[in-house]
Amino acid sequence: MLTLHSDTLHFAFPEVHKKAQCSVKFSRTLRVPDDQRHYLVPPSLTPIAPNRVDDYVECLPKDWRRRGGVFLPLYQAEALSLSFSGDYPFAIKIGAGKINTITGEPWQNELSPERQDYLVSGRNRFHDGFVVGQQEVRQFVAMPLGEGYTAEEQLTGLAQHGGLQILAYPMKVEAFRTRFGAWADSDDEYRSLDINLCRPGKARTENAEMGLAPGGLVKQKTLRDPYGYDAWDQTRWERCFIHLLNSRQYHAVTGVKLPYPPPGVRDYKNWRLPWYHHYSEGEPVEGTGILAKLASVATWFKAKHGQPLPDNDPPGPVAIRPVQSRSIRSG
């Protein structure tokens, strides 16, 4: 069962187990400088509330209506961060324009038994970009289809799908009970979530899709599956298409204007926001080399326009906050 509640996309499989639930959130984040240097993870900012395609069927392209799912508003060249929550383990596949964001291979619904092409929820709480190395990703940056920037266009030569695709497989209930013991069958109740209904807009938009292009380099580890390929119930799955609209298209469809432009490095420095170093145990997934060969947004922009990408200055000295347990003074 796939539902939308406020700003959260929710996968649930009550027929598997009452705890078989996983939530996905989408957040704005700083587009780090695309200058071939490695940056720590910037903090995510406001969550982006998805809208159901079915609430705007008269305003959206035919392909969107056929695929269903949700759509998100993003400014052009804005960076996107995904986060996952839930106690029940899931294998989650993520595609950008039907390109696997971990391996760079064409999308397939099935999990690969030879090479891990999915994330494990709980082990990987965030996914900020295309995996290009053992502990590095290139940020997800929203760019219009048809101009060559997106991973989809660079790898296939086509501007066909755009957006994001998320597919979730729950853990087999036998594996869950073996791994988590008595807690697996405690009395916590499953709660279904209401779907967020929105009033449709009036304007129609065609060929509105944006896609995700590789941006600056961020130090983020994508961990290996500690449970193994056979732990996942591949007879049950849900897939959601996440379409992307720029700010003007979103206003035309919904009648709602985005409240502010995306933040830049100067904003982060003025707000004194820290950058994060996430510590996590486990072996990282290795990049295939396919995604590492893609041209980044800054590289492509300079080739097309003969000048540097705007708002791409380095941040200078930044405050770094390790993510780890720290003692608290008791009162």
Protein backbone atom coordinates (compact mmCIF):
# COMPACT_ATOMS: atom_id res chain seq x y z
CA MET A 1 0.00 0.00 0.00
CA LEU A 2 1.33 3.39 -1.02
CA THR A 3 -0.02 6.52 0.65
CA LEU A 4 0.82 10.19 1.04
CA HIS A 5 0.51 11.89 4.41
CA SER A 6 1.45 15.56 4.68
CA ASP A 7 5.03 15.71 3.33
CA THR A 8 5.78 11.97 3.64
CA LEU A 9 5.55 9.15 1.12
CA HIS A 10 4.61 5.99 2.99
CA PHE A 11 5.11 2.35 1.93
CA ALA A 12 3.24 -0.27 4.00
CA PHE A 13 2.72 -4.03 3.67
CA PRO A 14 0.31 -5.04 6.48
CA GLU A 15 -0.21 -8.39 4.78
CA VAL A 16 3.48 -9.14 5.44
CA HIS A 17 3.72 -7.76 8.99
CA LYS A 18 2.05 -5.00 10.96
CA LYS A 19 5.42 -3.24 11.28
CA ALA A 20 6.32 -3.50 7.60
CA GLN A 21 6.32 0.26 6.99
CA CYS A 22 8.83 2.67 5.52
CA SER A 23 8.60 6.44 5.01
CA VAL A 24 10.42 8.61 2.48
CA LYS A 25 10.85 12.37 2.77
CA PHE A 26 12.18 14.87 0.24
CA SER A 27 14.08 17.94 1.41
CA ARG A 28 15.78 20.99 -0.01
CA THR A 29 19.49 21.16 0.64
CA LEU A 30 22.45 23.30 -0.34
CA ARG A 31 23.87 22.70 -3.80
CA VAL A 32 27.51 22.32 -2.84
CA PRO A 33 30.15 23.91 -5.10
CA ASP A 34 30.72 21.80 -8.20
CA ASP A 35 34.48 22.27 -8.34
CA GLN A 36 35.81 18.67 -8.11
CA ARG A 37 36.52 19.08 -4.38
CA HIS A 38 34.83 16.87 -1.79
CA TYR A 39 32.44 18.45 0.70
CA LEU A 40 30.84 17.19 3.87
CA VAL A 41 27.08 16.73 3.96
CA PRO A 42 25.21 20.05 4.27
CA PRO A 43 22.10 20.04 6.48
CA SER A 44 18.74 19.51 4.84
CA LEU A 45 16.33 22.41 5.03
CA THR A 46 12.56 22.49 4.65
CA PRO A 47 10.84 19.30 3.52
CA ILE A 48 9.20 19.38 0.10
CA ALA A 49 5.56 18.32 0.22
CA PRO A 50 4.62 16.08 -2.73
CA ASN A 51 1.32 16.46 -4.57
CA ARG A 52 -0.67 13.55 -5.92
CA VAL A 53 -0.82 13.35 -9.69
CA ASP A 54 -4.43 12.11 -9.41
CA ASP A 55 -5.47 15.42 -7.83
CA TYR A 56 -4.28 17.35 -10.91
CA VAL A 57 -5.09 15.02 -13.81
CA GLU A 58 -6.51 17.85 -15.95
CA CYS A 59 -3.36 19.94 -15.58
CA LEU A 60 -0.56 17.47 -16.19
CA PRO A 61 0.96 15.66 -19.20
CA LYS A 62 -0.59 12.40 -20.38
CA ASP A 63 2.49 10.38 -19.45
CA TRP A 64 2.25 11.61 -15.87
CA ARG A 65 -1.39 10.61 -15.67
CA ARG A 66 -0.52 7.15 -16.96
CA ARG A 67 2.31 6.65 -14.47
CA GLY A 68 0.49 8.16 -11.48
CA GLY A 69 2.59 8.87 -8.39
CA VAL A 70 3.36 12.35 -7.07
CA PHE A 71 5.13 15.51 -8.19
CA LEU A 72 7.53 17.85 -6.42
CA PRO A 73 8.38 21.53 -6.96
CA LEU A 74 12.06 22.38 -7.30
CA TYR A 75 13.86 25.43 -8.59
CA GLN A 76 16.14 24.77 -11.54
CA ALA A 77 19.64 23.80 -10.31
CA GLU A 78 18.33 23.15 -6.79
CA ALA A 79 19.70 20.15 -4.88
CA LEU A 80 17.48 17.40 -3.47
CA SER A 81 17.98 15.09 -0.48
CA LEU A 82 16.03 11.90 0.31
CA SER A 83 15.64 10.48 3.82
CA PHE A 84 14.18 7.19 5.03
CA SER A 85 12.63 6.14 8.33
CA GLY A 86 10.98 3.05 9.78
CA ASP A 87 11.95 0.14 12.01
CA TYR A 88 11.17 -2.62 9.53
CA PRO A 89 13.97 -3.19 6.99
CA PHE A 90 13.28 -2.54 3.30
CA ALA A 91 15.33 -2.92 0.14
CA ILE A 92 14.81 0.35 -1.76
CA LYS A 93 15.69 0.89 -5.40
CA ILE A 94 16.01 4.47 -6.64
CA GLY A 95 16.12 5.56 -10.25
CA ALA A 96 16.68 8.97 -11.84
CA GLY A 97 15.13 8.95 -15.28
CA LYS A 98 15.12 5.15 -14.94
CA ILE A 99 18.87 5.08 -14.35
CA ASN A 100 19.83 3.26 -11.16
CA THR A 101 21.44 5.86 -8.88
CA ILE A 102 23.80 3.31 -7.29
CA THR A 103 25.05 1.37 -10.32
CA GLY A 104 24.29 3.66 -13.28
CA GLU A 105 22.61 0.74 -15.06
CA PRO A 106 19.19 0.88 -16.78
CA TRP A 107 16.23 0.47 -14.46
CA GLN A 108 14.86 -2.97 -13.65
CA ASN A 109 12.27 -3.79 -11.01
CA GLU A 110 14.07 -6.89 -9.73
CA LEU A 111 16.93 -6.77 -7.24
CA SER A 112 20.25 -7.82 -8.72
CA PRO A 113 21.73 -10.98 -7.16
CA GLU A 114 25.20 -10.22 -8.56
CA ARG A 115 25.71 -6.59 -7.54
CA GLN A 116 23.87 -4.59 -4.88
CA ASP A 117 21.72 -2.07 -6.72
CA TYR A 118 19.54 -0.96 -3.80
CA LEU A 119 19.68 0.75 -0.42
CA VAL A 120 18.71 -0.85 2.89
CA SER A 121 16.44 1.36 4.99
CA GLY A 122 17.66 1.86 8.53
CA ARG A 123 21.23 1.28 7.40
CA ASN A 124 21.12 4.15 4.92
CA ARG A 125 19.04 7.01 6.30
CA PHE A 126 19.92 9.49 3.57
CA HIS A 127 20.51 9.38 -0.16
CA ASP A 128 21.77 12.65 -1.60
CA GLY A 129 23.11 11.72 -5.00
CA PHE A 130 24.58 9.36 -7.57
CA VAL A 131 27.07 6.90 -6.08
CA VAL A 132 30.40 7.55 -7.82
CA GLY A 133 32.81 6.00 -5.30
CA GLN A 134 33.02 4.02 -2.07
CA GLN A 135 32.23 7.00 0.12
CA GLU A 136 31.18 9.73 -2.27
CA VAL A 137 28.14 10.80 -4.25
CA ARG A 138 27.40 13.54 -6.74
CA GLN A 139 24.42 15.53 -5.54
CA PHE A 140 21.00 15.25 -7.14
CA VAL A 141 20.54 18.58 -8.98
CA ALA A 142 17.26 19.35 -10.77
CA MET A 143 17.76 20.36 -14.42
CA PRO A 144 15.39 20.55 -17.40
CA LEU A 145 15.18 17.61 -19.76
CA GLY A 146 16.36 18.12 -23.31
CA GLU A 147 19.52 20.10 -22.59
CA GLY A 148 21.87 17.17 -21.94
CA TYR A 149 22.52 17.70 -18.23
CA THR A 150 20.71 14.74 -16.69
CA ALA A 151 22.20 11.31 -16.02
CA GLU A 152 19.47 9.81 -18.18
CA GLU A 153 20.44 11.89 -21.22
CA GLN A 154 24.17 11.38 -20.79
CA LEU A 155 23.83 7.59 -20.54
CA THR A 156 20.99 6.88 -22.98
CA GLY A 157 20.99 9.91 -25.28
CA LEU A 158 17.24 10.30 -24.61
CA ALA A 159 15.17 12.75 -22.58
CA GLN A 160 12.30 10.36 -22.00
CA HIS A 161 11.47 9.72 -18.34
CA GLY A 162 12.95 12.34 -16.01
CA GLY A 163 12.03 12.58 -12.34
CA LEU A 164 12.63 9.85 -9.77
CA GLN A 165 11.44 6.30 -9.37
CA ILE A 166 11.34 4.61 -5.95
CA LEU A 167 10.59 0.92 -5.46
CA ALA A 168 10.39 -0.78 -2.05
CA TYR A 169 10.65 -4.48 -1.13
CA PRO A 170 9.90 -5.50 2.49
CA MET A 171 12.04 -8.01 4.34
CA LYS A 172 10.63 -11.52 4.47
CA VAL A 173 8.70 -11.95 7.71
CA GLU A 174 10.72 -15.06 8.63
CA ALA A 175 13.98 -13.15 8.26
CA PHE A 176 12.55 -10.25 10.27
CA ARG A 177 11.57 -12.50 13.19
CA THR A 178 14.91 -14.29 13.09
CA ARG A 179 16.84 -11.00 13.15
CA PHE A 180 14.77 -9.04 15.64
CA GLY A 181 13.42 -11.70 18.02
CA ALA A 182 10.56 -10.95 20.40
CA TRP A 183 10.35 -7.27 19.42
CA ALA A 184 9.22 -8.29 15.93
CA ASP A 185 5.82 -9.41 17.23
CA SER A 186 5.25 -6.85 19.98
CA ASP A 187 1.87 -5.15 20.29
CA ASP A 188 2.64 -2.01 18.27
CA GLU A 189 -0.31 -1.44 15.98
CA TYR A 190 -0.16 -0.66 12.28
CA ARG A 191 -1.80 2.68 11.45
CA SER A 192 -2.84 3.57 7.91
CA LEU A 193 -2.25 7.16 6.84
CA ASP A 194 -4.72 9.49 5.19
CA ILE A 195 -4.00 10.69 1.69
CA ASN A 196 -3.30 14.38 1.39
CA LEU A 197 -5.88 15.88 -1.00
CA CYS A 198 -5.16 19.16 -2.77
CA ARG A 199 -7.34 21.41 -4.87
CA PRO A 200 -6.48 21.10 -8.58
CA GLY A 201 -5.20 24.08 -10.53
CA LYS A 202 -6.51 25.17 -13.92
CA ALA A 203 -3.48 25.61 -16.16
CA ARG A 204 -2.21 22.72 -18.24
CA THR A 205 1.48 22.01 -18.68
CA GLU A 206 2.99 19.68 -21.27
CA ASN A 207 6.57 18.41 -21.53
CA ALA A 208 7.17 19.81 -18.07
CA GLU A 209 9.43 17.13 -16.73
CA MET A 210 12.76 17.92 -15.11
CA GLY A 211 15.41 15.32 -14.42
CA LEU A 212 18.31 14.87 -12.01
CA ALA A 213 21.86 15.73 -13.03
CA PRO A 214 25.09 15.00 -11.11
CA GLY A 215 26.28 18.00 -9.09
CA GLY A 216 29.10 18.56 -6.62
CA LEU A 217 30.87 15.81 -4.69
CA VAL A 218 29.64 14.97 -1.17
CA LYS A 219 31.19 12.51 1.27
CA GLN A 220 28.40 10.02 1.92
CA LYS A 221 28.72 6.28 2.47
CA THR A 222 26.20 3.90 0.88
CA LEU A 223 26.36 0.76 3.03
CA ARG A 224 26.28 -2.83 1.89
CA ASP A 225 23.29 -5.04 2.61
CA PRO A 226 24.00 -6.83 5.94
CA TYR A 227 21.04 -9.21 5.53
CA GLY A 228 21.72 -10.70 2.11
CA TYR A 229 19.83 -10.93 -1.16
CA ASP A 230 17.56 -13.77 0.02
CA ALA A 231 16.20 -11.76 2.98
CA TRP A 232 13.90 -9.65 0.77
CA ASP A 233 10.35 -10.59 -0.19
CA GLN A 234 10.42 -10.00 -3.92
CA THR A 235 6.86 -11.23 -4.40
CA ARG A 236 5.57 -7.97 -2.86
CA TRP A 237 6.63 -4.47 -3.86
CA GLU A 238 5.36 -0.97 -4.50
CA ARG A 239 6.76 1.57 -6.96
CA CYS A 240 6.18 5.30 -7.06
CA PHE A 241 7.02 7.82 -9.78
CA ILE A 242 8.15 11.21 -8.46
CA HIS A 243 7.82 13.84 -11.18
CA LEU A 244 9.65 17.15 -10.93
CA LEU A 245 8.30 20.60 -11.79
CA ASN A 246 10.17 23.88 -11.76
CA SER A 247 8.77 26.83 -9.83
CA ARG A 248 6.89 28.44 -12.75
CA GLN A 249 5.36 25.15 -13.88
CA TYR A 250 4.32 24.32 -10.33
CA HIS A 251 2.58 27.69 -10.01
CA ALA A 252 0.79 27.15 -13.32
CA VAL A 253 -0.53 23.75 -12.24
CA THR A 254 -1.39 24.35 -8.58
CA GLY A 255 -1.82 28.11 -8.30
CA VAL A 256 0.75 28.09 -5.47
CA LYS A 257 4.02 30.03 -5.66
CA LEU A 258 7.15 28.68 -4.06
CA PRO A 259 7.92 30.97 -1.11
CA TYR A 260 11.65 31.50 -1.57
CA PRO A 261 14.54 30.71 -3.92
CA PRO A 262 17.01 27.95 -3.09
CA PRO A 263 19.69 28.86 -0.51
CA GLY A 264 23.27 29.44 -1.51
CA VAL A 265 26.61 29.10 0.25
CA ARG A 266 26.40 32.70 1.48
CA ASP A 267 23.03 31.94 3.12
CA TYR A 268 24.48 28.95 4.93
CA LYS A 269 27.38 31.01 6.23
CA ASN A 270 25.06 33.81 7.38
CA TRP A 271 22.78 31.32 9.13
CA ARG A 272 25.81 29.59 10.72
CA LEU A 273 24.56 26.17 9.71
CA PRO A 274 26.99 23.29 10.32
CA TRP A 275 28.13 20.67 7.85
CA TYR A 276 27.95 17.05 8.94
CA HIS A 277 30.30 14.14 9.06
CA HIS A 278 28.18 10.98 9.40
CA TYR A 279 29.81 8.01 11.09
CA SER A 280 28.38 4.63 10.12
CA GLU A 281 29.67 1.10 10.53
CA GLY A 282 29.70 -1.31 7.63
CA GLU A 283 31.31 -1.79 4.25
CA PRO A 284 30.41 0.75 1.58
CA VAL A 285 29.02 -0.11 -1.83
CA GLU A 286 31.56 0.48 -4.57
CA GLY A 287 30.62 2.60 -7.54
CA THR A 288 30.55 0.83 -10.91
CA GLY A 289 32.46 3.59 -12.69
CA ILE A 290 29.49 4.30 -14.97
CA LEU A 291 28.21 7.20 -12.89
CA ALA A 292 31.73 8.45 -12.14
CA LYS A 293 32.21 9.19 -15.85
CA LEU A 294 29.21 11.53 -16.10
CA ALA A 295 29.81 15.23 -16.67
CA SER A 296 28.66 17.32 -13.73
CA VAL A 297 26.32 20.31 -14.03
CA ALA A 298 29.20 22.81 -13.83
CA THR A 299 31.22 20.95 -16.48
CA TRP A 300 28.25 20.75 -18.83
CA PHE A 301 27.25 24.38 -18.23
CA LYS A 302 30.74 25.66 -19.08
CA ALA A 303 30.85 23.54 -22.22
CA LYS A 304 27.47 24.87 -23.37
CA HIS A 305 27.81 28.52 -22.39
CA GLY A 306 31.55 29.12 -22.21
CA GLN A 307 31.41 30.53 -18.69
CA PRO A 308 31.42 29.18 -15.12
CA LEU A 309 28.23 27.98 -13.43
CA PRO A 310 26.70 30.84 -11.37
CA ASP A 311 26.61 30.60 -7.56
CA ASN A 312 29.36 28.00 -7.51
CA ASP A 313 31.82 29.69 -5.13
CA PRO A 314 33.55 27.61 -2.43
CA PRO A 315 32.21 28.07 1.12
CA GLY A 316 35.51 28.86 2.84
CA PRO A 317 35.95 27.70 6.47
CA VAL A 318 32.88 25.81 7.71
CA ALA A 319 31.74 24.45 11.05
CA ILE A 320 31.77 20.64 11.11
CA ARG A 321 29.48 18.74 13.47
CA PRO A 322 30.15 14.99 13.86
CA VAL A 323 26.98 12.91 14.09
CA GLN A 324 27.58 10.68 17.11
CA SER A 325 26.35 10.12 20.64
CA ARG A 326 27.36 12.80 23.18
CA SER A 327 26.79 13.01 26.91
CA ILE A 328 24.11 15.37 28.27
CA ARG A 329 24.35 17.09 31.63
CA SER A 330 21.48 15.85 33.75
CA GLY A 331 19.35 18.26 35.72
